[in-house]
PDB file of N, CA and C in Angstrom:
ATOM      1  N   MET A   1       5.603  10.776 -49.741  1.00  0.00           N
ATOM      2  CA  MET A   1       4.611   9.797 -49.349  1.00  0.00           C
ATOM      3  C   MET A   1       4.735   9.557 -47.851  1.00  0.00           C
ATOM      4  N   LYS A   2       3.608   9.608 -47.164  1.00  0.00           N
ATOM      5  CA  LYS A   2       3.571   9.421 -45.723  1.00  0.00           C
ATOM      6  C   LYS A   2       3.362   7.947 -45.377  1.00  0.00           C
ATOM      7  N   ALA A   3       4.126   7.472 -44.405  1.00  0.00           N
ATOM      8  CA  ALA A   3       3.939   6.081 -43.955  1.00  0.00           C
ATOM      9  C   ALA A   3       2.710   6.035 -43.058  1.00  0.00           C
ATOM     10  N   ARG A   4       1.901   5.018 -43.222  1.00  0.00           N
ATOM     11  CA  ARG A   4       0.702   4.875 -42.397  1.00  0.00           C
ATOM     12  C   ARG A   4       0.823   3.619 -41.544  1.00  0.00           C
ATOM     13  N   LEU A   5       0.407   3.768 -40.299  1.00  0.00           N
ATOM     14  CA  LEU A   5       0.383   2.620 -39.397  1.00  0.00           C
ATOM     15  C   LEU A   5      -0.930   1.877 -39.586  1.00  0.00           C
ATOM     16  N   PRO A   6      -0.917   0.579 -39.414  1.00  0.00           N
ATOM     17  CA  PRO A   6      -2.163  -0.176 -39.501  1.00  0.00           C
ATOM     18  C   PRO A   6      -3.154   0.336 -38.459  1.00  0.00           C
ATOM     19  N   GLN A   7      -4.447   0.234 -38.768  1.00  0.00           N
ATOM     20  CA  GLN A   7      -5.478   0.690 -37.851  1.00  0.00           C
ATOM     21  C   GLN A   7      -5.397  -0.099 -36.540  1.00  0.00           C
ATOM     22  N   GLY A   8      -5.596   0.604 -35.415  1.00  0.00           N
ATOM     23  CA  GLY A   8      -5.514  -0.041 -34.107  1.00  0.00           C
ATOM     24  C   GLY A   8      -4.097  -0.106 -33.569  1.00  0.00           C
ATOM     25  N   TYR A   9      -3.136   0.400 -34.355  1.00  0.00           N
ATOM     26  CA  TYR A   9      -1.746   0.366 -33.919  1.00  0.00           C
ATOM     27  C   TYR A   9      -1.343   1.776 -33.533  1.00  0.00           C
ATOM     28  N   GLY A  10      -0.654   1.917 -32.451  1.00  0.00           N
ATOM     29  CA  GLY A  10      -0.209   3.242 -32.039  1.00  0.00           C
ATOM     30  C   GLY A  10      -1.017   3.737 -30.859  1.00  0.00           C
ATOM     31  N   GLY A  11      -0.949   5.030 -30.637  1.00  0.00           N
ATOM     32  CA  GLY A  11      -1.552   5.598 -29.436  1.00  0.00           C
ATOM     33  C   GLY A  11      -2.817   6.365 -29.699  1.00  0.00           C
ATOM     34  N   GLY A  12      -3.604   5.971 -30.647  1.00  0.00           N
ATOM     35  CA  GLY A  12      -4.847   6.671 -30.940  1.00  0.00           C
ATOM     36  C   GLY A  12      -5.831   6.580 -29.793  1.00  0.00           C
ATOM     37  N   PRO A  13      -6.880   7.434 -29.821  1.00  0.00           N
ATOM     38  CA  PRO A  13      -7.853   7.467 -28.730  1.00  0.00           C
ATOM     39  C   PRO A  13      -8.531   6.126 -28.467  1.00  0.00           C
ATOM     40  N   GLY A  14      -8.876   5.399 -29.525  1.00  0.00           N
ATOM     41  CA  GLY A  14      -9.522   4.096 -29.331  1.00  0.00           C
ATOM     42  C   GLY A  14      -8.611   3.115 -28.628  1.00  0.00           C
ATOM     43  N   ASN A  15      -7.346   3.108 -29.020  1.00  0.00           N
ATOM     44  CA  ASN A  15      -6.370   2.212 -28.409  1.00  0.00           C
ATOM     45  C   ASN A  15      -6.147   2.584 -26.945  1.00  0.00           C
ATOM     46  N   MET A  16      -6.114   3.876 -26.652  1.00  0.00           N
ATOM     47  CA  MET A  16      -5.905   4.336 -25.280  1.00  0.00           C
ATOM     48  C   MET A  16      -7.075   3.909 -24.396  1.00  0.00           C
ATOM     49  N   GLN A  17      -8.288   4.035 -24.897  1.00  0.00           N
ATOM     50  CA  GLN A  17      -9.455   3.623 -24.127  1.00  0.00           C
ATOM     51  C   GLN A  17      -9.437   2.117 -23.885  1.00  0.00           C
ATOM     52  N   GLN A  18      -9.011   1.367 -24.870  1.00  0.00           N
ATOM     53  CA  GLN A  18      -8.914  -0.081 -24.725  1.00  0.00           C
ATOM     54  C   GLN A  18      -7.875  -0.433 -23.655  1.00  0.00           C
ATOM     55  N   MET A  19      -6.756   0.274 -23.681  1.00  0.00           N
ATOM     56  CA  MET A  19      -5.707   0.027 -22.677  1.00  0.00           C
ATOM     57  C   MET A  19      -6.210   0.368 -21.279  1.00  0.00           C
ATOM     58  N   ILE A  20      -6.949   1.455 -21.156  1.00  0.00           N
ATOM     59  CA  ILE A  20      -7.484   1.850 -19.849  1.00  0.00           C
ATOM     60  C   ILE A  20      -8.480   0.813 -19.354  1.00  0.00           C
ATOM     61  N   ARG A  21      -9.343   0.335 -20.255  1.00  0.00           N
ATOM     62  CA  ARG A  21     -10.303  -0.712 -19.862  1.00  0.00           C
ATOM     63  C   ARG A  21      -9.580  -1.983 -19.427  1.00  0.00           C
ATOM     64  N   GLN A  22      -8.545  -2.362 -20.162  1.00  0.00           N
ATOM     65  CA  GLN A  22      -7.780  -3.564 -19.818  1.00  0.00           C
ATOM     66  C   GLN A  22      -7.093  -3.401 -18.470  1.00  0.00           C
ATOM     67  N   ALA A  23      -6.510  -2.221 -18.239  1.00  0.00           N
ATOM     68  CA  ALA A  23      -5.841  -1.958 -16.950  1.00  0.00           C
ATOM     69  C   ALA A  23      -6.851  -2.002 -15.812  1.00  0.00           C
ATOM     70  N   GLN A  24      -8.034  -1.445 -16.020  1.00  0.00           N
ATOM     71  CA  GLN A  24      -9.083  -1.471 -14.993  1.00  0.00           C
ATOM     72  C   GLN A  24      -9.528  -2.898 -14.715  1.00  0.00           C
ATOM     73  N   LYS A  25      -9.643  -3.694 -15.776  1.00  0.00           N
ATOM     74  CA  LYS A  25     -10.043  -5.093 -15.615  1.00  0.00           C
ATOM     75  C   LYS A  25      -8.998  -5.846 -14.786  1.00  0.00           C
ATOM     76  N   ILE A  26      -7.729  -5.633 -15.101  1.00  0.00           N
ATOM     77  CA  ILE A  26      -6.655  -6.284 -14.351  1.00  0.00           C
ATOM     78  C   ILE A  26      -6.696  -5.840 -12.890  1.00  0.00           C
ATOM     79  N   GLN A  27      -6.866  -4.551 -12.673  1.00  0.00           N
ATOM     80  CA  GLN A  27      -6.901  -4.034 -11.304  1.00  0.00           C
ATOM     81  C   GLN A  27      -8.088  -4.615 -10.539  1.00  0.00           C
ATOM     82  N   ASP A  28      -9.253  -4.712 -11.186  1.00  0.00           N
ATOM     83  CA  ASP A  28     -10.431  -5.300 -10.540  1.00  0.00           C
ATOM     84  C   ASP A  28     -10.198  -6.769 -10.187  1.00  0.00           C
ATOM     85  N   GLU A  29      -9.609  -7.518 -11.129  1.00  0.00           N
ATOM     86  CA  GLU A  29      -9.325  -8.935 -10.877  1.00  0.00           C
ATOM     87  C   GLU A  29      -8.327  -9.093  -9.725  1.00  0.00           C
ATOM     88  N   MET A  30      -7.332  -8.220  -9.690  1.00  0.00           N
ATOM     89  CA  MET A  30      -6.323  -8.293  -8.629  1.00  0.00           C
ATOM     90  C   MET A  30      -6.940  -7.948  -7.278  1.00  0.00           C
ATOM     91  N   ALA A  31      -7.822  -6.972  -7.233  1.00  0.00           N
ATOM     92  CA  ALA A  31      -8.483  -6.612  -5.978  1.00  0.00           C
ATOM     93  C   ALA A  31      -9.357  -7.765  -5.488  1.00  0.00           C
ATOM     94  N   LYS A  32     -10.062  -8.404  -6.421  1.00  0.00           N
ATOM     95  CA  LYS A  32     -10.906  -9.548  -6.072  1.00  0.00           C
ATOM     96  C   LYS A  32     -10.051 -10.700  -5.537  1.00  0.00           C
ATOM     97  N   LYS A  33      -8.949 -11.000  -6.226  1.00  0.00           N
ATOM     98  CA  LYS A  33      -8.063 -12.088  -5.800  1.00  0.00           C
ATOM     99  C   LYS A  33      -7.429 -11.764  -4.453  1.00  0.00           C
ATOM    100  N   SER A  34      -7.046 -10.500  -4.255  1.00  0.00           N
ATOM    101  CA  SER A  34      -6.445 -10.078  -2.993  1.00  0.00           C
ATOM    102  C   SER A  34      -7.420 -10.298  -1.837  1.00  0.00           C
ATOM    103  N   ALA A  35      -8.681  -9.914  -2.036  1.00  0.00           N
ATOM    104  CA  ALA A  35      -9.692 -10.127  -1.004  1.00  0.00           C
ATOM    105  C   ALA A  35      -9.893 -11.622  -0.741  1.00  0.00           C
ATOM    106  N   GLU A  36      -9.874 -12.406  -1.806  1.00  0.00           N
ATOM    107  CA  GLU A  36     -10.014 -13.859  -1.673  1.00  0.00           C
ATOM    108  C   GLU A  36      -8.834 -14.450  -0.896  1.00  0.00           C
ATOM    109  N   LEU A  37      -7.628 -14.021  -1.233  1.00  0.00           N
ATOM    110  CA  LEU A  37      -6.432 -14.526  -0.562  1.00  0.00           C
ATOM    111  C   LEU A  37      -6.417 -14.154   0.915  1.00  0.00           C
ATOM    112  N   GLU A  38      -6.947 -12.982   1.251  1.00  0.00           N
ATOM    113  CA  GLU A  38      -6.985 -12.557   2.650  1.00  0.00           C
ATOM    114  C   GLU A  38      -7.829 -13.504   3.497  1.00  0.00           C
ATOM    115  N   GLN A  39      -8.768 -14.199   2.879  1.00  0.00           N
ATOM    116  CA  GLN A  39      -9.651 -15.122   3.594  1.00  0.00           C
ATOM    117  C   GLN A  39      -9.041 -16.517   3.759  1.00  0.00           C
ATOM    118  N   THR A  40      -7.921 -16.759   3.092  1.00  0.00           N
ATOM    119  CA  THR A  40      -7.326 -18.096   3.155  1.00  0.00           C
ATOM    120  C   THR A  40      -6.527 -18.282   4.441  1.00  0.00           C
ATOM    121  N   GLU A  41      -6.331 -19.525   4.784  1.00  0.00           N
ATOM    122  CA  GLU A  41      -5.478 -19.896   5.907  1.00  0.00           C
ATOM    123  C   GLU A  41      -4.449 -20.904   5.410  1.00  0.00           C
ATOM    124  N   THR A  42      -3.220 -20.744   5.878  1.00  0.00           N
ATOM    125  CA  THR A  42      -2.140 -21.634   5.501  1.00  0.00           C
ATOM    126  C   THR A  42      -1.531 -22.206   6.776  1.00  0.00           C
ATOM    127  N   THR A  43      -1.245 -23.502   6.757  1.00  0.00           N
ATOM    128  CA  THR A  43      -0.624 -24.156   7.912  1.00  0.00           C
ATOM    129  C   THR A  43       0.802 -24.540   7.543  1.00  0.00           C
ATOM    130  N   ILE A  44       1.739 -24.136   8.380  1.00  0.00           N
ATOM    131  CA  ILE A  44       3.160 -24.405   8.176  1.00  0.00           C
ATOM    132  C   ILE A  44       3.695 -25.064   9.442  1.00  0.00           C
ATOM    133  N   THR A  45       4.614 -26.022   9.250  1.00  0.00           N
ATOM    134  CA  THR A  45       5.228 -26.672  10.410  1.00  0.00           C
ATOM    135  C   THR A  45       6.740 -26.513  10.365  1.00  0.00           C
ATOM    136  N   SER A  46       7.351 -26.666  11.516  1.00  0.00           N
ATOM    137  CA  SER A  46       8.814 -26.728  11.589  1.00  0.00           C
ATOM    138  C   SER A  46       9.183 -27.814  12.589  1.00  0.00           C
ATOM    139  N   GLY A  47      10.443 -28.206  12.543  1.00  0.00           N
ATOM    140  CA  GLY A  47      10.912 -29.240  13.460  1.00  0.00           C
ATOM    141  C   GLY A  47      10.192 -30.553  13.261  1.00  0.00           C
ATOM    142  N   GLY A  48       9.913 -30.892  12.004  1.00  0.00           N
ATOM    143  CA  GLY A  48       9.238 -32.159  11.723  1.00  0.00           C
ATOM    144  C   GLY A  48       7.833 -32.218  12.292  1.00  0.00           C
ATOM    145  N   GLY A  49       7.182 -31.067  12.386  1.00  0.00           N
ATOM    146  CA  GLY A  49       5.813 -31.018  12.898  1.00  0.00           C
ATOM    147  C   GLY A  49       5.739 -30.678  14.377  1.00  0.00           C
ATOM    148  N   ALA A  50       6.871 -30.392  14.994  1.00  0.00           N
ATOM    149  CA  ALA A  50       6.885 -30.065  16.424  1.00  0.00           C
ATOM    150  C   ALA A  50       6.174 -28.744  16.696  1.00  0.00           C
ATOM    151  N   VAL A  51       6.287 -27.790  15.752  1.00  0.00           N
ATOM    152  CA  VAL A  51       5.615 -26.500  15.867  1.00  0.00           C
ATOM    153  C   VAL A  51       4.791 -26.296  14.613  1.00  0.00           C
ATOM    154  N   GLU A  52       3.556 -25.887  14.815  1.00  0.00           N
ATOM    155  CA  GLU A  52       2.648 -25.661  13.698  1.00  0.00           C
ATOM    156  C   GLU A  52       2.051 -24.258  13.819  1.00  0.00           C
ATOM    157  N   VAL A  53       2.083 -23.522  12.705  1.00  0.00           N
ATOM    158  CA  VAL A  53       1.547 -22.164  12.661  1.00  0.00           C
ATOM    159  C   VAL A  53       0.446 -22.113  11.621  1.00  0.00           C
ATOM    160  N   VAL A  54      -0.687 -21.513  11.983  1.00  0.00           N
ATOM    161  CA  VAL A  54      -1.763 -21.259  11.033  1.00  0.00           C
ATOM    162  C   VAL A  54      -1.796 -19.747  10.847  1.00  0.00           C
ATOM    163  N   ILE A  55      -1.630 -19.322   9.588  1.00  0.00           N
ATOM    164  CA  ILE A  55      -1.570 -17.897   9.260  1.00  0.00           C
ATOM    165  C   ILE A  55      -2.641 -17.574   8.222  1.00  0.00           C
ATOM    166  N   THR A  56      -3.214 -16.382   8.343  1.00  0.00           N
ATOM    167  CA  THR A  56      -4.214 -15.954   7.361  1.00  0.00           C
ATOM    168  C   THR A  56      -3.514 -15.233   6.216  1.00  0.00           C
ATOM    169  N   GLY A  57      -4.268 -14.987   5.157  1.00  0.00           N
ATOM    170  CA  GLY A  57      -3.744 -14.241   4.019  1.00  0.00           C
ATOM    171  C   GLY A  57      -3.401 -12.807   4.357  1.00  0.00           C
ATOM    172  N   LYS A  58      -3.887 -12.324   5.497  1.00  0.00           N
ATOM    173  CA  LYS A  58      -3.549 -10.975   5.964  1.00  0.00           C
ATOM    174  C   LYS A  58      -2.273 -10.986   6.802  1.00  0.00           C
ATOM    175  N   LYS A  59      -1.617 -12.129   6.849  1.00  0.00           N
ATOM    176  CA  LYS A  59      -0.385 -12.332   7.612  1.00  0.00           C
ATOM    177  C   LYS A  59      -0.610 -12.197   9.120  1.00  0.00           C
ATOM    178  N   VAL A  60      -1.758 -12.689   9.566  1.00  0.00           N
ATOM    179  CA  VAL A  60      -2.086 -12.704  10.984  1.00  0.00           C
ATOM    180  C   VAL A  60      -1.979 -14.152  11.456  1.00  0.00           C
ATOM    181  N   ILE A  61      -1.204 -14.361  12.521  1.00  0.00           N
ATOM    182  CA  ILE A  61      -1.075 -15.705  13.086  1.00  0.00           C
ATOM    183  C   ILE A  61      -2.382 -16.022  13.812  1.00  0.00           C
ATOM    184  N   LYS A  62      -3.048 -17.064  13.351  1.00  0.00           N
ATOM    185  CA  LYS A  62      -4.338 -17.440  13.928  1.00  0.00           C
ATOM    186  C   LYS A  62      -4.178 -18.506  15.010  1.00  0.00           C
ATOM    187  N   GLU A  63      -3.243 -19.418  14.774  1.00  0.00           N
ATOM    188  CA  GLU A  63      -3.006 -20.497  15.747  1.00  0.00           C
ATOM    189  C   GLU A  63      -1.519 -20.812  15.805  1.00  0.00           C
ATOM    190  N   LEU A  64      -1.103 -21.254  16.980  1.00  0.00           N
ATOM    191  CA  LEU A  64       0.265 -21.733  17.185  1.00  0.00           C
ATOM    192  C   LEU A  64       0.151 -22.978  18.053  1.00  0.00           C
ATOM    193  N   ARG A  65       0.586 -24.102  17.497  1.00  0.00           N
ATOM    194  CA  ARG A  65       0.528 -25.364  18.243  1.00  0.00           C
ATOM    195  C   ARG A  65       1.946 -25.870  18.463  1.00  0.00           C
ATOM    196  N   ILE A  66       2.195 -26.301  19.692  1.00  0.00           N
ATOM    197  CA  ILE A  66       3.514 -26.827  20.050  1.00  0.00           C
ATOM    198  C   ILE A  66       3.307 -28.202  20.673  1.00  0.00           C
ATOM    199  N   LYS A  67       3.985 -29.197  20.115  1.00  0.00           N
ATOM    200  CA  LYS A  67       3.882 -30.539  20.683  1.00  0.00           C
ATOM    201  C   LYS A  67       4.561 -30.537  22.057  1.00  0.00           C
ATOM    202  N   PRO A  68       3.918 -31.116  23.035  1.00  0.00           N
ATOM    203  CA  PRO A  68       4.456 -31.101  24.408  1.00  0.00           C
ATOM    204  C   PRO A  68       5.873 -31.667  24.527  1.00  0.00           C
ATOM    205  N   GLU A  69       6.207 -32.642  23.700  1.00  0.00           N
ATOM    206  CA  GLU A  69       7.523 -33.273  23.821  1.00  0.00           C
ATOM    207  C   GLU A  69       8.682 -32.349  23.439  1.00  0.00           C
ATOM    208  N   VAL A  70       8.406 -31.225  22.762  1.00  0.00           N
ATOM    209  CA  VAL A  70       9.494 -30.308  22.421  1.00  0.00           C
ATOM    210  C   VAL A  70       9.674 -29.200  23.453  1.00  0.00           C
ATOM    211  N   VAL A  71       8.812 -29.196  24.457  1.00  0.00           N
ATOM    212  CA  VAL A  71       8.937 -28.189  25.508  1.00  0.00           C
ATOM    213  C   VAL A  71       9.907 -28.730  26.562  1.00  0.00           C
ATOM    214  N   ASP A  72      11.117 -28.250  26.473  1.00  0.00           N
ATOM    215  CA  ASP A  72      12.178 -28.650  27.398  1.00  0.00           C
ATOM    216  C   ASP A  72      12.652 -27.397  28.137  1.00  0.00           C
ATOM    217  N   PRO A  73      12.352 -27.297  29.422  1.00  0.00           N
ATOM    218  CA  PRO A  73      12.758 -26.097  30.171  1.00  0.00           C
ATOM    219  C   PRO A  73      14.269 -25.850  30.127  1.00  0.00           C
ATOM    220  N   GLU A  74      15.025 -26.880  29.839  1.00  0.00           N
ATOM    221  CA  GLU A  74      16.477 -26.746  29.767  1.00  0.00           C
ATOM    222  C   GLU A  74      16.942 -26.231  28.400  1.00  0.00           C
ATOM    223  N   ASP A  75      16.024 -26.221  27.405  1.00  0.00           N
ATOM    224  CA  ASP A  75      16.412 -25.812  26.062  1.00  0.00           C
ATOM    225  C   ASP A  75      15.324 -24.942  25.419  1.00  0.00           C
ATOM    226  N   ILE A  76      15.024 -23.848  26.054  1.00  0.00           N
ATOM    227  CA  ILE A  76      14.022 -22.905  25.548  1.00  0.00           C
ATOM    228  C   ILE A  76      14.459 -22.329  24.200  1.00  0.00           C
ATOM    229  N   GLU A  77      15.755 -22.151  24.016  1.00  0.00           N
ATOM    230  CA  GLU A  77      16.260 -21.565  22.778  1.00  0.00           C
ATOM    231  C   GLU A  77      15.873 -22.389  21.551  1.00  0.00           C
ATOM    232  N   MET A  78      15.893 -23.713  21.677  1.00  0.00           N
ATOM    233  CA  MET A  78      15.503 -24.553  20.549  1.00  0.00           C
ATOM    234  C   MET A  78      14.030 -24.317  20.200  1.00  0.00           C
ATOM    235  N   LEU A  79      13.180 -24.242  21.212  1.00  0.00           N
ATOM    236  CA  LEU A  79      11.765 -23.992  20.989  1.00  0.00           C
ATOM    237  C   LEU A  79      11.559 -22.629  20.334  1.00  0.00           C
ATOM    238  N   GLN A  80      12.271 -21.642  20.794  1.00  0.00           N
ATOM    239  CA  GLN A  80      12.182 -20.311  20.200  1.00  0.00           C
ATOM    240  C   GLN A  80      12.587 -20.352  18.728  1.00  0.00           C
ATOM    241  N   ASP A  81      13.658 -21.064  18.429  1.00  0.00           N
ATOM    242  CA  ASP A  81      14.116 -21.183  17.040  1.00  0.00           C
ATOM    243  C   ASP A  81      13.066 -21.871  16.163  1.00  0.00           C
ATOM    244  N   LEU A  82      12.429 -22.919  16.694  1.00  0.00           N
ATOM    245  CA  LEU A  82      11.393 -23.623  15.939  1.00  0.00           C
ATOM    246  C   LEU A  82      10.202 -22.708  15.659  1.00  0.00           C
ATOM    247  N   ILE A  83       9.818 -21.911  16.640  1.00  0.00           N
ATOM    248  CA  ILE A  83       8.692 -20.987  16.467  1.00  0.00           C
ATOM    249  C   ILE A  83       9.044 -19.921  15.432  1.00  0.00           C
ATOM    250  N   ILE A  84      10.220 -19.344  15.554  1.00  0.00           N
ATOM    251  CA  ILE A  84      10.657 -18.324  14.594  1.00  0.00           C
ATOM    252  C   ILE A  84      10.695 -18.898  13.181  1.00  0.00           C
ATOM    253  N   ALA A  85      11.235 -20.096  13.033  1.00  0.00           N
ATOM    254  CA  ALA A  85      11.320 -20.727  11.712  1.00  0.00           C
ATOM    255  C   ALA A  85       9.928 -20.946  11.125  1.00  0.00           C
ATOM    256  N   ALA A  86       8.997 -21.419  11.936  1.00  0.00           N
ATOM    257  CA  ALA A  86       7.644 -21.685  11.448  1.00  0.00           C
ATOM    258  C   ALA A  86       6.935 -20.391  11.064  1.00  0.00           C
ATOM    259  N   VAL A  87       7.059 -19.358  11.880  1.00  0.00           N
ATOM    260  CA  VAL A  87       6.398 -18.085  11.587  1.00  0.00           C
ATOM    261  C   VAL A  87       6.996 -17.451  10.329  1.00  0.00           C
ATOM    262  N   ASN A  88       8.320 -17.440  10.224  1.00  0.00           N
ATOM    263  CA  ASN A  88       8.959 -16.859   9.039  1.00  0.00           C
ATOM    264  C   ASN A  88       8.563 -17.605   7.762  1.00  0.00           C
ATOM    265  N   GLU A  89       8.507 -18.908   7.823  1.00  0.00           N
ATOM    266  CA  GLU A  89       8.111 -19.702   6.660  1.00  0.00           C
ATOM    267  C   GLU A  89       6.648 -19.451   6.316  1.00  0.00           C
ATOM    268  N   ALA A  90       5.810 -19.297   7.327  1.00  0.00           N
ATOM    269  CA  ALA A  90       4.393 -19.021   7.090  1.00  0.00           C
ATOM    270  C   ALA A  90       4.216 -17.686   6.373  1.00  0.00           C
ATOM    271  N   VAL A  91       4.887 -16.649   6.828  1.00  0.00           N
ATOM    272  CA  VAL A  91       4.792 -15.328   6.198  1.00  0.00           C
ATOM    273  C   VAL A  91       5.332 -15.394   4.773  1.00  0.00           C
ATOM    274  N   ARG A  92       6.469 -16.041   4.582  1.00  0.00           N
ATOM    275  CA  ARG A  92       7.059 -16.162   3.252  1.00  0.00           C
ATOM    276  C   ARG A  92       6.112 -16.887   2.295  1.00  0.00           C
ATOM    277  N   THR A  93       5.476 -17.938   2.769  1.00  0.00           N
ATOM    278  CA  THR A  93       4.560 -18.717   1.940  1.00  0.00           C
ATOM    279  C   THR A  93       3.350 -17.887   1.526  1.00  0.00           C
ATOM    280  N   VAL A  94       2.769 -17.157   2.460  1.00  0.00           N
ATOM    281  CA  VAL A  94       1.614 -16.315   2.144  1.00  0.00           C
ATOM    282  C   VAL A  94       1.995 -15.265   1.098  1.00  0.00           C
ATOM    283  N   GLU A  95       3.142 -14.641   1.263  1.00  0.00           N
ATOM    284  CA  GLU A  95       3.590 -13.629   0.306  1.00  0.00           C
ATOM    285  C   GLU A  95       3.848 -14.243  -1.073  1.00  0.00           C
ATOM    286  N   GLU A  96       4.459 -15.409  -1.083  1.00  0.00           N
ATOM    287  CA  GLU A  96       4.770 -16.080  -2.347  1.00  0.00           C
ATOM    288  C   GLU A  96       3.496 -16.456  -3.104  1.00  0.00           C
ATOM    289  N   VAL A  97       2.523 -16.996  -2.404  1.00  0.00           N
ATOM    290  CA  VAL A  97       1.253 -17.367  -3.035  1.00  0.00           C
ATOM    291  C   VAL A  97       0.567 -16.126  -3.596  1.00  0.00           C
ATOM    292  N   ALA A  98       0.523 -15.057  -2.810  1.00  0.00           N
ATOM    293  CA  ALA A  98      -0.122 -13.818  -3.263  1.00  0.00           C
ATOM    294  C   ALA A  98       0.599 -13.254  -4.484  1.00  0.00           C
ATOM    295  N   ASN A  99       1.911 -13.222  -4.453  1.00  0.00           N
ATOM    296  CA  ASN A  99       2.676 -12.688  -5.583  1.00  0.00           C
ATOM    297  C   ASN A  99       2.444 -13.502  -6.853  1.00  0.00           C
ATOM    298  N   LYS A 100       2.423 -14.832  -6.729  1.00  0.00           N
ATOM    299  CA  LYS A 100       2.191 -15.687  -7.898  1.00  0.00           C
ATOM    300  C   LYS A 100       0.801 -15.460  -8.482  1.00  0.00           C
ATOM    301  N   GLU A 101      -0.198 -15.328  -7.618  1.00  0.00           N
ATOM    302  CA  GLU A 101      -1.560 -15.104  -8.092  1.00  0.00           C
ATOM    303  C   GLU A 101      -1.675 -13.751  -8.794  1.00  0.00           C
ATOM    304  N   MET A 102      -1.072 -12.728  -8.222  1.00  0.00           N
ATOM    305  CA  MET A 102      -1.150 -11.397  -8.823  1.00  0.00           C
ATOM    306  C   MET A 102      -0.385 -11.353 -10.148  1.00  0.00           C
ATOM    307  N   GLU A 103       0.737 -12.040 -10.203  1.00  0.00           N
ATOM    308  CA  GLU A 103       1.508 -12.089 -11.444  1.00  0.00           C
ATOM    309  C   GLU A 103       0.736 -12.829 -12.532  1.00  0.00           C
ATOM    310  N   ARG A 104       0.040 -13.885 -12.132  1.00  0.00           N
ATOM    311  CA  ARG A 104      -0.772 -14.649 -13.081  1.00  0.00           C
ATOM    312  C   ARG A 104      -1.865 -13.752 -13.668  1.00  0.00           C
ATOM    313  N   ILE A 105      -2.500 -12.957 -12.834  1.00  0.00           N
ATOM    314  CA  ILE A 105      -3.582 -12.084 -13.289  1.00  0.00           C
ATOM    315  C   ILE A 105      -3.043 -10.964 -14.174  1.00  0.00           C
ATOM    316  N   SER A 106      -1.943 -10.363 -13.752  1.00  0.00           N
ATOM    317  CA  SER A 106      -1.429  -9.184 -14.470  1.00  0.00           C
ATOM    318  C   SER A 106      -0.548  -9.542 -15.646  1.00  0.00           C
ATOM    319  N   GLY A 107      -0.246 -10.813 -15.811  1.00  0.00           N
ATOM    320  CA  GLY A 107       0.630 -11.219 -16.894  1.00  0.00           C
ATOM    321  C   GLY A 107       2.059 -10.728 -16.682  1.00  0.00           C
ATOM    322  N   GLY A 108       2.430 -10.522 -15.427  1.00  0.00           N
ATOM    323  CA  GLY A 108       3.780 -10.075 -15.105  1.00  0.00           C
ATOM    324  C   GLY A 108       3.942  -8.573 -15.079  1.00  0.00           C
ATOM    325  N   LEU A 109       2.864  -7.830 -15.370  1.00  0.00           N
ATOM    326  CA  LEU A 109       2.953  -6.369 -15.316  1.00  0.00           C
ATOM    327  C   LEU A 109       3.010  -5.919 -13.867  1.00  0.00           C
ATOM    328  N   ASN A 110       3.728  -4.862 -13.610  1.00  0.00           N
ATOM    329  CA  ASN A 110       3.783  -4.290 -12.266  1.00  0.00           C
ATOM    330  C   ASN A 110       2.690  -3.240 -12.182  1.00  0.00           C
ATOM    331  N   VAL A 111       1.602  -3.569 -11.476  1.00  0.00           N
ATOM    332  CA  VAL A 111       0.489  -2.638 -11.342  1.00  0.00           C
ATOM    333  C   VAL A 111       0.627  -1.923 -10.004  1.00  0.00           C
ATOM    334  N   PRO A 112       0.889  -0.612 -10.027  1.00  0.00           N
ATOM    335  CA  PRO A 112       1.080   0.136  -8.786  1.00  0.00           C
ATOM    336  C   PRO A 112      -0.132   0.040  -7.877  1.00  0.00           C
ATOM    337  N   GLY A 113       0.144  -0.047  -6.578  1.00  0.00           N
ATOM    338  CA  GLY A 113      -0.928  -0.068  -5.594  1.00  0.00           C
ATOM    339  C   GLY A 113      -1.463  -1.444  -5.276  1.00  0.00           C
ATOM    340  N   MET A 114      -1.016  -2.447  -5.982  1.00  0.00           N
ATOM    341  CA  MET A 114      -1.498  -3.799  -5.702  1.00  0.00           C
ATOM    342  C   MET A 114      -0.371  -4.586  -5.047  1.00  0.00           C
ATOM    343  N   LEU A 115      -0.653  -5.092  -3.863  1.00  0.00           N
ATOM    344  CA  LEU A 115       0.283  -5.847  -3.037  1.00  0.00           C
ATOM    345  C   LEU A 115       1.479  -5.098  -2.671  1.00  0.00           C
TER     346      LEU A 115
END
């Protein structure tokens, strides 16, 4: 006696086509979300608001604002550190938001070619 799998279970042609359609749907949703995220802008500050960075979803710095009171010619290194901290946090935030959105769409699947 041969064991039979329930219909729709296994790797039959219908199931494979369904999987391909689902993968295409996920890929389309991820591409749409990626394009949407690229249009977003995120503002990050460091030093209690002394330095402010505006970054796009494409990881392009759009604006950099520095409060005049933190510009001390005797302590340029502190200003440099504040700028580096703000830029690094901005990039990290953009990546984190994009990763969370893509994971939400894909259900945690690793879809090659996306992000």
